[in-house]
Amino acid sequence: MAQAALFTSGGDKSGTLDLPEDVFGIEPNEHAVWEAVVNFQANQRQGTVKTKTRGLVNRSNSKPWRQKGTGRARAGTWRSPLWVGGGTTHGPQPRSHSYRLPKKIRRLALKSAFSDRAAAGRVVAIENLELEGIKTSELWKLLDKMELAQSKVLILVEDLDEKLALSARNIPNVIAMPAREVNTYTIVAAEWILITKGGLSRIEEVFA
């Protein structure tokens, strides 16, 4: 049974918490994780790169020289890809790089990433994470007390409120998000996963 260290809302260790076996206790599938990470990065690409073809190059429409009698090879346009300043052949054009992975692969990758972090002892739980106000220093002190402040931390909560979102965004390498929106890339990119009890229930409800 996969377990996580349990902390109180004040950052004091209070014991351990059992994690759902079918989410945090499977044999990680490295290829599925790789597929999910590549898919995430491909979906983030803008795809706006573009080169000019011979039809787009702004050069003269006149024939460079007459067809016969010069001793040179015949040429009909200044825009030929063979010439400096001419168009590009088979160059990149604007397009979408996004594609969709099968649902089973996405789920397997997510569970594999969770299980890998749990097996490494990199998952910790907290009773709740309700801040008194929008205060970055308050969240920093809590993470520092839990010895997580110097690491890349992914905070998963049941519902992300404004206080936590604004307090976490100014801390380097800390990402806070609703548990139901977590993806494989953010899990792999984080060194530690800090999850509330409510967030854990939501993960079990959505992904188990």
N, C-alpha and C. Protein backbone atom coordinates (compact mmCIF):
# COMPACT_ATOMS: atom_id res chain seq x y z
N MET A 1 0.84 -1.20 0.00
CA MET A 1 0.00 0.00 0.00
C MET A 1 0.87 1.25 0.00
N ALA A 2 0.66 2.12 -0.99
CA ALA A 2 1.41 3.37 -1.07
C ALA A 2 0.95 4.31 0.04
N GLN A 3 1.91 4.98 0.66
CA GLN A 3 1.59 5.88 1.75
C GLN A 3 2.29 7.23 1.54
N ALA A 4 1.74 8.25 2.19
CA ALA A 4 2.32 9.59 2.14
C ALA A 4 2.37 10.15 3.55
N ALA A 5 3.41 10.93 3.83
CA ALA A 5 3.49 11.60 5.12
C ALA A 5 2.35 12.61 5.22
N LEU A 6 1.68 12.65 6.38
CA LEU A 6 0.54 13.54 6.58
C LEU A 6 0.93 14.68 7.50
N PHE A 7 0.61 15.91 7.07
CA PHE A 7 0.91 17.10 7.86
C PHE A 7 -0.39 17.80 8.25
N THR A 8 -0.35 18.49 9.36
CA THR A 8 -1.48 19.31 9.76
C THR A 8 -1.49 20.58 8.92
N SER A 9 -2.55 21.36 9.02
CA SER A 9 -2.63 22.60 8.25
C SER A 9 -1.58 23.60 8.68
N GLY A 10 -0.98 23.38 9.85
CA GLY A 10 0.08 24.26 10.33
C GLY A 10 1.47 23.83 9.90
N GLY A 11 1.57 22.66 9.24
CA GLY A 11 2.85 22.19 8.75
C GLY A 11 3.56 21.21 9.67
N ASP A 12 2.87 20.72 10.72
CA ASP A 12 3.46 19.73 11.63
C ASP A 12 3.11 18.33 11.17
N LYS A 13 4.09 17.43 11.23
CA LYS A 13 3.84 16.05 10.80
C LYS A 13 2.97 15.34 11.83
N SER A 14 1.93 14.67 11.32
CA SER A 14 0.97 14.02 12.23
C SER A 14 0.82 12.53 11.99
N GLY A 15 1.52 11.98 11.01
CA GLY A 15 1.41 10.55 10.75
C GLY A 15 1.54 10.25 9.26
N THR A 16 0.85 9.21 8.82
CA THR A 16 0.87 8.83 7.41
C THR A 16 -0.55 8.67 6.90
N LEU A 17 -0.68 8.70 5.59
CA LEU A 17 -1.99 8.56 4.95
C LEU A 17 -1.88 7.55 3.82
N ASP A 18 -2.81 6.60 3.78
CA ASP A 18 -2.83 5.60 2.71
C ASP A 18 -3.31 6.24 1.42
N LEU A 19 -2.59 5.96 0.34
CA LEU A 19 -2.95 6.48 -0.97
C LEU A 19 -3.69 5.41 -1.78
N PRO A 20 -4.62 5.81 -2.65
CA PRO A 20 -5.35 4.83 -3.47
C PRO A 20 -4.39 3.96 -4.28
N GLU A 21 -4.50 2.67 -4.12
CA GLU A 21 -3.56 1.75 -4.75
C GLU A 21 -3.66 1.77 -6.27
N ASP A 22 -4.86 1.95 -6.81
CA ASP A 22 -5.03 1.90 -8.26
C ASP A 22 -4.59 3.19 -8.95
N VAL A 23 -4.22 4.21 -8.19
CA VAL A 23 -3.69 5.44 -8.77
C VAL A 23 -2.22 5.63 -8.41
N PHE A 24 -1.85 5.32 -7.18
CA PHE A 24 -0.49 5.57 -6.70
C PHE A 24 0.33 4.29 -6.51
N GLY A 25 -0.24 3.14 -6.84
CA GLY A 25 0.48 1.90 -6.56
C GLY A 25 0.65 0.96 -7.73
N ILE A 26 0.52 1.47 -8.97
CA ILE A 26 0.66 0.58 -10.13
C ILE A 26 2.12 0.52 -10.57
N GLU A 27 2.43 -0.42 -11.45
CA GLU A 27 3.76 -0.49 -12.04
C GLU A 27 3.87 0.59 -13.12
N PRO A 28 4.75 1.57 -12.96
CA PRO A 28 4.83 2.68 -13.93
C PRO A 28 5.16 2.20 -15.34
N ASN A 29 4.45 2.76 -16.30
CA ASN A 29 4.69 2.47 -17.71
C ASN A 29 5.44 3.67 -18.31
N GLU A 30 6.74 3.53 -18.48
CA GLU A 30 7.57 4.65 -18.92
C GLU A 30 7.19 5.15 -20.32
N HIS A 31 6.84 4.23 -21.20
CA HIS A 31 6.52 4.65 -22.57
C HIS A 31 5.23 5.48 -22.59
N ALA A 32 4.25 5.11 -21.79
CA ALA A 32 3.00 5.88 -21.73
C ALA A 32 3.28 7.28 -21.20
N VAL A 33 4.16 7.38 -20.19
CA VAL A 33 4.53 8.70 -19.66
C VAL A 33 5.21 9.53 -20.73
N TRP A 34 6.13 8.91 -21.48
CA TRP A 34 6.82 9.62 -22.56
C TRP A 34 5.82 10.11 -23.60
N GLU A 35 4.87 9.26 -23.98
CA GLU A 35 3.85 9.64 -24.96
C GLU A 35 3.05 10.84 -24.47
N ALA A 36 2.68 10.83 -23.19
CA ALA A 36 1.87 11.91 -22.64
C ALA A 36 2.64 13.22 -22.57
N VAL A 37 3.92 13.15 -22.22
CA VAL A 37 4.75 14.36 -22.14
C VAL A 37 4.95 14.97 -23.53
N VAL A 38 5.27 14.14 -24.51
CA VAL A 38 5.45 14.61 -25.88
C VAL A 38 4.14 15.22 -26.41
N ASN A 39 3.02 14.59 -26.10
CA ASN A 39 1.72 15.09 -26.51
C ASN A 39 1.44 16.47 -25.90
N PHE A 40 1.74 16.62 -24.62
CA PHE A 40 1.53 17.91 -23.94
C PHE A 40 2.37 19.00 -24.59
N GLN A 41 3.64 18.71 -24.83
CA GLN A 41 4.53 19.70 -25.42
C GLN A 41 4.12 20.04 -26.85
N ALA A 42 3.66 19.05 -27.60
CA ALA A 42 3.21 19.30 -28.97
C ALA A 42 1.97 20.20 -28.97
N ASN A 43 1.08 19.99 -28.02
CA ASN A 43 -0.14 20.79 -27.95
C ASN A 43 0.14 22.23 -27.54
N GLN A 44 1.31 22.48 -26.92
CA GLN A 44 1.67 23.84 -26.53
C GLN A 44 2.33 24.63 -27.66
N ARG A 45 2.74 23.96 -28.71
CA ARG A 45 3.44 24.63 -29.81
C ARG A 45 2.48 25.55 -30.57
N GLN A 46 2.98 26.73 -30.94
CA GLN A 46 2.15 27.68 -31.67
C GLN A 46 2.04 27.33 -33.15
N GLY A 47 3.09 26.78 -33.70
CA GLY A 47 3.04 26.38 -35.12
C GLY A 47 2.95 27.56 -36.06
N THR A 48 3.55 28.71 -35.71
CA THR A 48 3.44 29.91 -36.56
C THR A 48 4.67 30.14 -37.44
N VAL A 49 5.62 29.22 -37.44
CA VAL A 49 6.82 29.40 -38.26
C VAL A 49 6.44 29.31 -39.75
N LYS A 50 7.13 30.14 -40.56
CA LYS A 50 6.78 30.17 -41.98
C LYS A 50 7.96 30.62 -42.82
N THR A 51 8.16 29.99 -43.97
CA THR A 51 9.14 30.45 -44.95
C THR A 51 8.41 30.78 -46.25
N LYS A 52 9.02 31.62 -47.08
CA LYS A 52 8.38 32.04 -48.32
C LYS A 52 8.71 31.07 -49.45
N THR A 53 7.69 30.66 -50.14
CA THR A 53 7.88 29.83 -51.34
C THR A 53 8.17 30.76 -52.52
N ARG A 54 8.43 30.19 -53.67
CA ARG A 54 8.76 31.01 -54.85
C ARG A 54 7.59 31.92 -55.24
N GLY A 55 6.39 31.52 -54.85
CA GLY A 55 5.23 32.35 -55.18
C GLY A 55 5.05 33.53 -54.24
N LEU A 56 5.78 33.54 -53.13
CA LEU A 56 5.64 34.61 -52.14
C LEU A 56 6.83 35.58 -52.13
N VAL A 57 7.93 35.20 -52.77
CA VAL A 57 9.12 36.05 -52.76
C VAL A 57 8.87 37.31 -53.58
N ASN A 58 9.28 38.45 -53.05
CA ASN A 58 9.06 39.74 -53.72
C ASN A 58 10.24 40.06 -54.63
N ARG A 59 10.24 39.49 -55.80
CA ARG A 59 11.29 39.78 -56.78
C ARG A 59 10.65 40.00 -58.15
N SER A 60 11.44 40.45 -59.10
CA SER A 60 10.93 40.82 -60.43
C SER A 60 10.28 39.63 -61.14
N ASN A 61 9.26 39.95 -61.95
CA ASN A 61 8.59 38.93 -62.75
C ASN A 61 9.27 38.75 -64.12
N SER A 62 10.27 39.57 -64.39
CA SER A 62 10.89 39.51 -65.73
C SER A 62 11.79 38.29 -65.86
N LYS A 63 11.99 37.90 -67.09
CA LYS A 63 12.90 36.78 -67.37
C LYS A 63 14.34 37.30 -67.22
N PRO A 64 15.20 36.60 -66.47
CA PRO A 64 16.56 37.12 -66.19
C PRO A 64 17.36 37.44 -67.45
N TRP A 65 17.32 36.55 -68.43
CA TRP A 65 17.98 36.81 -69.71
C TRP A 65 17.25 36.03 -70.79
N ARG A 66 17.59 36.33 -72.01
CA ARG A 66 16.86 35.69 -73.10
C ARG A 66 17.10 34.18 -73.12
N GLN A 67 16.19 33.49 -73.77
CA GLN A 67 16.21 32.03 -73.73
C GLN A 67 17.45 31.44 -74.39
N LYS A 68 17.86 32.00 -75.53
CA LYS A 68 18.95 31.41 -76.30
C LYS A 68 20.05 32.43 -76.59
N GLY A 69 21.23 31.92 -76.86
CA GLY A 69 22.29 32.76 -77.36
C GLY A 69 23.25 33.31 -76.34
N THR A 70 23.01 33.13 -75.06
CA THR A 70 23.92 33.69 -74.05
C THR A 70 24.97 32.70 -73.60
N GLY A 71 24.75 31.43 -73.84
CA GLY A 71 25.67 30.39 -73.37
C GLY A 71 25.38 29.94 -71.95
N ARG A 72 24.47 30.61 -71.30
CA ARG A 72 24.10 30.22 -69.93
C ARG A 72 22.86 29.33 -69.94
N ALA A 73 22.64 28.66 -68.85
CA ALA A 73 21.46 27.82 -68.75
C ALA A 73 20.21 28.68 -68.79
N ARG A 74 19.16 28.16 -69.40
CA ARG A 74 17.92 28.93 -69.51
C ARG A 74 17.34 29.18 -68.11
N ALA A 75 16.74 30.33 -67.93
CA ALA A 75 16.13 30.70 -66.65
C ALA A 75 14.89 31.53 -66.93
N GLY A 76 13.84 31.23 -66.19
CA GLY A 76 12.57 31.93 -66.45
C GLY A 76 12.14 32.85 -65.32
N THR A 77 12.80 32.79 -64.16
CA THR A 77 12.35 33.60 -63.03
C THR A 77 13.51 33.89 -62.08
N TRP A 78 13.43 35.06 -61.43
CA TRP A 78 14.40 35.41 -60.40
C TRP A 78 14.06 34.72 -59.07
N ARG A 79 12.92 34.10 -59.01
CA ARG A 79 12.44 33.55 -57.74
C ARG A 79 12.78 32.08 -57.53
N SER A 80 13.58 31.53 -58.41
CA SER A 80 13.90 30.11 -58.34
C SER A 80 14.54 29.73 -57.00
N PRO A 81 14.14 28.64 -56.40
CA PRO A 81 14.77 28.17 -55.16
C PRO A 81 16.25 27.84 -55.31
N LEU A 82 16.71 27.72 -56.54
CA LEU A 82 18.12 27.42 -56.79
C LEU A 82 19.01 28.64 -56.57
N TRP A 83 18.42 29.83 -56.54
CA TRP A 83 19.19 31.06 -56.46
C TRP A 83 19.14 31.68 -55.08
N VAL A 84 20.22 32.42 -54.74
CA VAL A 84 20.21 33.20 -53.50
C VAL A 84 19.13 34.27 -53.60
N GLY A 85 18.29 34.39 -52.61
CA GLY A 85 17.20 35.35 -52.64
C GLY A 85 15.92 34.77 -53.21
N GLY A 86 15.99 33.52 -53.67
CA GLY A 86 14.79 32.89 -54.21
C GLY A 86 13.94 32.27 -53.10
N GLY A 87 12.89 31.58 -53.52
CA GLY A 87 11.99 30.97 -52.55
C GLY A 87 12.59 29.75 -51.89
N THR A 88 11.91 29.26 -50.87
CA THR A 88 12.34 28.06 -50.14
C THR A 88 11.51 26.87 -50.61
N THR A 89 12.18 25.75 -50.85
CA THR A 89 11.48 24.54 -51.26
C THR A 89 11.13 23.69 -50.05
N HIS A 90 9.90 23.33 -49.92
CA HIS A 90 9.42 22.45 -48.85
C HIS A 90 9.73 23.02 -47.46
N GLY A 91 9.71 24.33 -47.31
CA GLY A 91 9.96 24.95 -46.01
C GLY A 91 8.75 24.82 -45.10
N PRO A 92 8.94 25.12 -43.79
CA PRO A 92 7.83 25.01 -42.84
C PRO A 92 6.74 26.04 -43.10
N GLN A 93 5.51 25.66 -42.90
CA GLN A 93 4.35 26.53 -43.07
C GLN A 93 3.50 26.48 -41.80
N PRO A 94 2.71 27.51 -41.52
CA PRO A 94 1.87 27.49 -40.31
C PRO A 94 0.97 26.26 -40.27
N ARG A 95 0.97 25.60 -39.12
CA ARG A 95 0.11 24.42 -38.96
C ARG A 95 -0.08 24.12 -37.49
N SER A 96 -1.01 23.29 -37.18
CA SER A 96 -1.24 22.87 -35.80
C SER A 96 -0.45 21.59 -35.53
N HIS A 97 0.28 21.58 -34.42
CA HIS A 97 1.05 20.39 -34.04
C HIS A 97 0.27 19.51 -33.06
N SER A 98 -0.89 19.95 -32.65
CA SER A 98 -1.63 19.22 -31.59
C SER A 98 -2.23 17.93 -32.13
N TYR A 99 -2.32 16.96 -31.25
CA TYR A 99 -3.00 15.70 -31.55
C TYR A 99 -3.54 15.14 -30.24
N ARG A 100 -4.39 14.17 -30.33
CA ARG A 100 -5.07 13.65 -29.15
C ARG A 100 -4.64 12.22 -28.87
N LEU A 101 -4.26 11.97 -27.62
CA LEU A 101 -3.91 10.61 -27.20
C LEU A 101 -5.17 9.86 -26.80
N PRO A 102 -5.19 8.55 -26.97
CA PRO A 102 -6.32 7.76 -26.48
C PRO A 102 -6.48 7.92 -24.97
N LYS A 103 -7.70 7.90 -24.51
CA LYS A 103 -8.00 8.13 -23.10
C LYS A 103 -7.28 7.12 -22.19
N LYS A 104 -7.21 5.87 -22.62
CA LYS A 104 -6.56 4.84 -21.79
C LYS A 104 -5.08 5.11 -21.62
N ILE A 105 -4.44 5.63 -22.67
CA ILE A 105 -3.01 5.97 -22.58
C ILE A 105 -2.81 7.15 -21.62
N ARG A 106 -3.69 8.15 -21.73
CA ARG A 106 -3.58 9.32 -20.85
C ARG A 106 -3.75 8.92 -19.38
N ARG A 107 -4.71 8.08 -19.11
CA ARG A 107 -4.95 7.63 -17.74
C ARG A 107 -3.77 6.79 -17.22
N LEU A 108 -3.27 5.90 -18.07
CA LEU A 108 -2.14 5.05 -17.67
C LEU A 108 -0.91 5.91 -17.38
N ALA A 109 -0.66 6.91 -18.22
CA ALA A 109 0.49 7.79 -18.02
C ALA A 109 0.35 8.58 -16.72
N LEU A 110 -0.83 9.08 -16.45
CA LEU A 110 -1.07 9.86 -15.23
C LEU A 110 -0.85 9.00 -13.98
N LYS A 111 -1.41 7.80 -13.99
CA LYS A 111 -1.25 6.91 -12.85
C LYS A 111 0.21 6.46 -12.70
N SER A 112 0.89 6.28 -13.83
CA SER A 112 2.31 5.88 -13.78
C SER A 112 3.14 6.99 -13.15
N ALA A 113 2.86 8.24 -13.51
CA ALA A 113 3.60 9.37 -12.95
C ALA A 113 3.34 9.49 -11.46
N PHE A 114 2.08 9.36 -11.06
CA PHE A 114 1.74 9.40 -9.63
C PHE A 114 2.43 8.26 -8.88
N SER A 115 2.40 7.08 -9.44
CA SER A 115 2.98 5.91 -8.78
C SER A 115 4.49 6.04 -8.65
N ASP A 116 5.13 6.62 -9.66
CA ASP A 116 6.58 6.81 -9.60
C ASP A 116 6.95 7.77 -8.48
N ARG A 117 6.21 8.86 -8.34
CA ARG A 117 6.48 9.80 -7.26
C ARG A 117 6.19 9.19 -5.90
N ALA A 118 5.12 8.40 -5.81
CA ALA A 118 4.79 7.76 -4.54
C ALA A 118 5.84 6.72 -4.14
N ALA A 119 6.33 5.95 -5.12
CA ALA A 119 7.35 4.94 -4.84
C ALA A 119 8.66 5.58 -4.38
N ALA A 120 8.91 6.80 -4.84
CA ALA A 120 10.13 7.52 -4.44
C ALA A 120 9.94 8.28 -3.13
N GLY A 121 8.74 8.19 -2.54
CA GLY A 121 8.46 8.91 -1.30
C GLY A 121 8.34 10.41 -1.50
N ARG A 122 7.90 10.81 -2.70
CA ARG A 122 7.84 12.23 -3.04
C ARG A 122 6.41 12.76 -3.02
N VAL A 123 5.50 12.06 -2.36
CA VAL A 123 4.12 12.53 -2.23
C VAL A 123 3.84 12.77 -0.75
N VAL A 124 3.40 13.97 -0.42
CA VAL A 124 3.04 14.31 0.96
C VAL A 124 1.62 14.87 0.96
N ALA A 125 0.93 14.66 2.07
CA ALA A 125 -0.46 15.10 2.19
C ALA A 125 -0.59 16.11 3.32
N ILE A 126 -1.59 16.96 3.22
CA ILE A 126 -1.85 17.96 4.25
C ILE A 126 -3.36 17.98 4.51
N GLU A 127 -3.74 18.22 5.76
CA GLU A 127 -5.16 18.19 6.14
C GLU A 127 -5.97 19.14 5.26
N ASN A 128 -5.57 20.39 5.23
CA ASN A 128 -6.19 21.37 4.34
C ASN A 128 -5.22 22.52 4.12
N LEU A 129 -5.49 23.30 3.11
CA LEU A 129 -4.57 24.38 2.75
C LEU A 129 -5.39 25.65 2.52
N GLU A 130 -5.91 26.19 3.60
CA GLU A 130 -6.72 27.40 3.54
C GLU A 130 -5.94 28.55 4.16
N LEU A 131 -5.55 29.52 3.34
CA LEU A 131 -4.79 30.66 3.80
C LEU A 131 -5.72 31.75 4.32
N GLU A 132 -5.23 32.53 5.28
CA GLU A 132 -6.05 33.60 5.85
C GLU A 132 -6.23 34.76 4.87
N GLY A 133 -5.27 34.93 4.00
CA GLY A 133 -5.37 36.00 3.01
C GLY A 133 -4.41 35.73 1.87
N ILE A 134 -4.32 36.68 0.94
CA ILE A 134 -3.38 36.56 -0.17
C ILE A 134 -2.01 36.96 0.35
N LYS A 135 -1.23 35.98 0.75
CA LYS A 135 0.04 36.24 1.41
C LYS A 135 1.05 35.20 0.97
N THR A 136 1.96 35.60 0.09
CA THR A 136 2.98 34.67 -0.40
C THR A 136 3.88 34.19 0.72
N SER A 137 4.23 35.09 1.64
CA SER A 137 5.14 34.73 2.74
C SER A 137 4.53 33.67 3.65
N GLU A 138 3.22 33.70 3.79
CA GLU A 138 2.54 32.70 4.63
C GLU A 138 2.68 31.30 4.03
N LEU A 139 2.47 31.20 2.72
CA LEU A 139 2.61 29.91 2.05
C LEU A 139 4.08 29.47 2.04
N TRP A 140 4.99 30.42 1.84
CA TRP A 140 6.41 30.10 1.84
C TRP A 140 6.84 29.54 3.20
N LYS A 141 6.40 30.15 4.27
CA LYS A 141 6.75 29.68 5.61
C LYS A 141 6.22 28.27 5.85
N LEU A 142 5.00 27.98 5.36
CA LEU A 142 4.43 26.65 5.50
C LEU A 142 5.27 25.63 4.74
N LEU A 143 5.63 25.93 3.50
CA LEU A 143 6.45 25.02 2.71
C LEU A 143 7.84 24.84 3.32
N ASP A 144 8.38 25.93 3.85
CA ASP A 144 9.69 25.87 4.48
C ASP A 144 9.66 24.98 5.72
N LYS A 145 8.58 25.06 6.48
CA LYS A 145 8.43 24.23 7.67
C LYS A 145 8.33 22.75 7.30
N MET A 146 7.76 22.49 6.13
CA MET A 146 7.62 21.11 5.65
C MET A 146 8.85 20.67 4.86
N GLU A 147 9.87 21.55 4.77
CA GLU A 147 11.12 21.29 4.06
C GLU A 147 10.90 21.08 2.56
N LEU A 148 9.98 21.86 2.00
CA LEU A 148 9.67 21.77 0.57
C LEU A 148 9.97 23.06 -0.18
N ALA A 149 10.36 24.10 0.55
CA ALA A 149 10.46 25.43 -0.05
C ALA A 149 11.53 25.52 -1.14
N GLN A 150 12.56 24.69 -1.05
CA GLN A 150 13.67 24.76 -2.02
C GLN A 150 13.50 23.78 -3.18
N SER A 151 12.34 23.15 -3.28
CA SER A 151 12.11 22.14 -4.31
C SER A 151 11.00 22.58 -5.27
N LYS A 152 10.89 21.87 -6.37
CA LYS A 152 9.79 22.09 -7.30
C LYS A 152 8.56 21.35 -6.75
N VAL A 153 7.54 22.10 -6.40
CA VAL A 153 6.39 21.53 -5.70
C VAL A 153 5.12 21.71 -6.53
N LEU A 154 4.36 20.65 -6.66
CA LEU A 154 3.05 20.70 -7.29
C LEU A 154 2.01 20.56 -6.18
N ILE A 155 1.20 21.59 -6.00
CA ILE A 155 0.17 21.59 -4.96
C ILE A 155 -1.17 21.25 -5.60
N LEU A 156 -1.80 20.19 -5.13
CA LEU A 156 -3.10 19.77 -5.66
C LEU A 156 -4.16 19.93 -4.59
N VAL A 157 -5.20 20.67 -4.92
CA VAL A 157 -6.29 20.91 -3.97
C VAL A 157 -7.61 20.53 -4.64
N GLU A 158 -8.64 20.43 -3.82
CA GLU A 158 -9.95 20.06 -4.37
C GLU A 158 -10.47 21.17 -5.28
N ASP A 159 -10.47 22.40 -4.76
CA ASP A 159 -10.88 23.57 -5.54
C ASP A 159 -9.89 24.69 -5.28
N LEU A 160 -9.32 25.24 -6.32
CA LEU A 160 -8.31 26.29 -6.18
C LEU A 160 -8.99 27.64 -5.97
N ASP A 161 -8.76 28.24 -4.80
CA ASP A 161 -9.33 29.56 -4.54
C ASP A 161 -8.32 30.65 -4.87
N GLU A 162 -8.79 31.87 -4.89
CA GLU A 162 -7.96 33.01 -5.29
C GLU A 162 -6.79 33.22 -4.34
N LYS A 163 -7.02 33.00 -3.04
CA LYS A 163 -5.97 33.23 -2.05
C LYS A 163 -4.75 32.35 -2.31
N LEU A 164 -4.99 31.07 -2.53
CA LEU A 164 -3.89 30.15 -2.77
C LEU A 164 -3.25 30.39 -4.13
N ALA A 165 -4.07 30.64 -5.15
CA ALA A 165 -3.55 30.85 -6.51
C ALA A 165 -2.63 32.05 -6.56
N LEU A 166 -3.03 33.16 -5.95
CA LEU A 166 -2.22 34.38 -5.98
C LEU A 166 -1.02 34.29 -5.04
N SER A 167 -1.15 33.54 -3.97
CA SER A 167 -0.04 33.40 -3.03
C SER A 167 1.05 32.50 -3.61
N ALA A 168 0.65 31.53 -4.42
CA ALA A 168 1.62 30.56 -4.94
C ALA A 168 2.32 31.03 -6.20
N ARG A 169 1.72 31.94 -6.94
CA ARG A 169 2.26 32.26 -8.27
C ARG A 169 3.59 33.01 -8.21
N ASN A 170 3.89 33.65 -7.07
CA ASN A 170 5.15 34.39 -6.96
C ASN A 170 6.28 33.57 -6.36
N ILE A 171 6.01 32.31 -6.02
CA ILE A 171 7.05 31.45 -5.48
C ILE A 171 7.65 30.64 -6.62
N PRO A 172 8.95 30.78 -6.86
CA PRO A 172 9.56 30.01 -7.96
C PRO A 172 9.37 28.51 -7.77
N ASN A 173 9.07 27.83 -8.88
CA ASN A 173 8.98 26.36 -8.90
C ASN A 173 7.82 25.80 -8.08
N VAL A 174 6.81 26.63 -7.77
CA VAL A 174 5.62 26.15 -7.08
C VAL A 174 4.42 26.36 -7.99
N ILE A 175 3.67 25.29 -8.22
CA ILE A 175 2.46 25.36 -9.03
C ILE A 175 1.30 24.83 -8.21
N ALA A 176 0.22 25.60 -8.13
CA ALA A 176 -1.00 25.17 -7.44
C ALA A 176 -2.11 25.02 -8.47
N MET A 177 -2.84 23.92 -8.40
CA MET A 177 -3.90 23.69 -9.37
C MET A 177 -4.94 22.73 -8.80
N PRO A 178 -6.17 22.75 -9.34
CA PRO A 178 -7.18 21.78 -8.90
C PRO A 178 -6.76 20.36 -9.27
N ALA A 179 -7.03 19.41 -8.40
CA ALA A 179 -6.60 18.03 -8.62
C ALA A 179 -7.19 17.45 -9.90
N ARG A 180 -8.40 17.85 -10.24
CA ARG A 180 -9.06 17.27 -11.42
C ARG A 180 -8.41 17.71 -12.73
N GLU A 181 -7.59 18.79 -12.69
CA GLU A 181 -6.97 19.31 -13.90
C GLU A 181 -5.51 18.88 -14.06
N VAL A 182 -5.02 18.04 -13.15
CA VAL A 182 -3.61 17.65 -13.19
C VAL A 182 -3.31 16.85 -14.45
N ASN A 183 -2.10 17.00 -14.97
CA ASN A 183 -1.69 16.24 -16.15
C ASN A 183 -0.31 15.62 -15.90
N THR A 184 0.06 14.71 -16.75
CA THR A 184 1.30 13.96 -16.59
C THR A 184 2.52 14.88 -16.61
N TYR A 185 2.52 15.87 -17.50
CA TYR A 185 3.68 16.75 -17.63
C TYR A 185 3.98 17.49 -16.32
N THR A 186 2.95 18.05 -15.68
CA THR A 186 3.18 18.80 -14.45
C THR A 186 3.66 17.89 -13.31
N ILE A 187 3.21 16.64 -13.32
CA ILE A 187 3.66 15.70 -12.29
C ILE A 187 5.14 15.37 -12.50
N VAL A 188 5.50 15.08 -13.76
CA VAL A 188 6.88 14.73 -14.07
C VAL A 188 7.82 15.91 -13.79
N ALA A 189 7.35 17.14 -14.04
CA ALA A 189 8.18 18.32 -13.86
C ALA A 189 8.39 18.67 -12.39
N ALA A 190 7.54 18.15 -11.51
CA ALA A 190 7.64 18.47 -10.08
C ALA A 190 8.49 17.43 -9.35
N GLU A 191 9.22 17.90 -8.34
CA GLU A 191 9.99 17.00 -7.50
C GLU A 191 9.13 16.43 -6.37
N TRP A 192 8.21 17.25 -5.88
CA TRP A 192 7.32 16.84 -4.79
C TRP A 192 5.87 17.14 -5.16
N ILE A 193 4.98 16.30 -4.67
CA ILE A 193 3.55 16.53 -4.82
C ILE A 193 2.96 16.73 -3.43
N LEU A 194 2.38 17.90 -3.21
CA LEU A 194 1.69 18.21 -1.96
C LEU A 194 0.21 18.22 -2.25
N ILE A 195 -0.52 17.34 -1.60
CA ILE A 195 -1.93 17.17 -1.92
C ILE A 195 -2.77 17.26 -0.65
N THR A 196 -3.87 17.95 -0.74
CA THR A 196 -4.79 18.03 0.40
C THR A 196 -5.67 16.78 0.43
N LYS A 197 -6.31 16.54 1.57
CA LYS A 197 -7.20 15.38 1.66
C LYS A 197 -8.35 15.51 0.67
N GLY A 198 -8.86 16.73 0.51
CA GLY A 198 -9.93 16.96 -0.47
C GLY A 198 -9.45 16.70 -1.88
N GLY A 199 -8.23 17.13 -2.18
CA GLY A 199 -7.67 16.89 -3.50
C GLY A 199 -7.47 15.40 -3.77
N LEU A 200 -7.05 14.66 -2.74
CA LEU A 200 -6.86 13.22 -2.88
C LEU A 200 -8.18 12.53 -3.17
N SER A 201 -9.24 12.96 -2.49
CA SER A 201 -10.57 12.39 -2.73
C SER A 201 -11.02 12.67 -4.16
N ARG A 202 -10.72 13.88 -4.65
CA ARG A 202 -11.11 14.23 -6.01
C ARG A 202 -10.33 13.40 -7.04
N ILE A 203 -9.05 13.17 -6.79
CA ILE A 203 -8.24 12.34 -7.69
C ILE A 203 -8.80 10.92 -7.73
N GLU A 204 -9.12 10.39 -6.56
CA GLU A 204 -9.67 9.02 -6.51
C GLU A 204 -10.99 8.96 -7.22
N GLU A 205 -11.79 10.00 -7.10
CA GLU A 205 -13.10 10.04 -7.73
C GLU A 205 -13.00 10.13 -9.25
N VAL A 206 -12.05 10.93 -9.73
CA VAL A 206 -11.96 11.19 -11.18
C VAL A 206 -11.13 10.13 -11.91
N PHE A 207 -10.00 9.71 -11.31
CA PHE A 207 -9.04 8.88 -12.04
C PHE A 207 -9.03 7.41 -11.63
N ALA A 208 -9.58 7.08 -10.50
CA ALA A 208 -9.51 5.68 -10.04
C ALA A 208 -10.36 4.79 -10.93
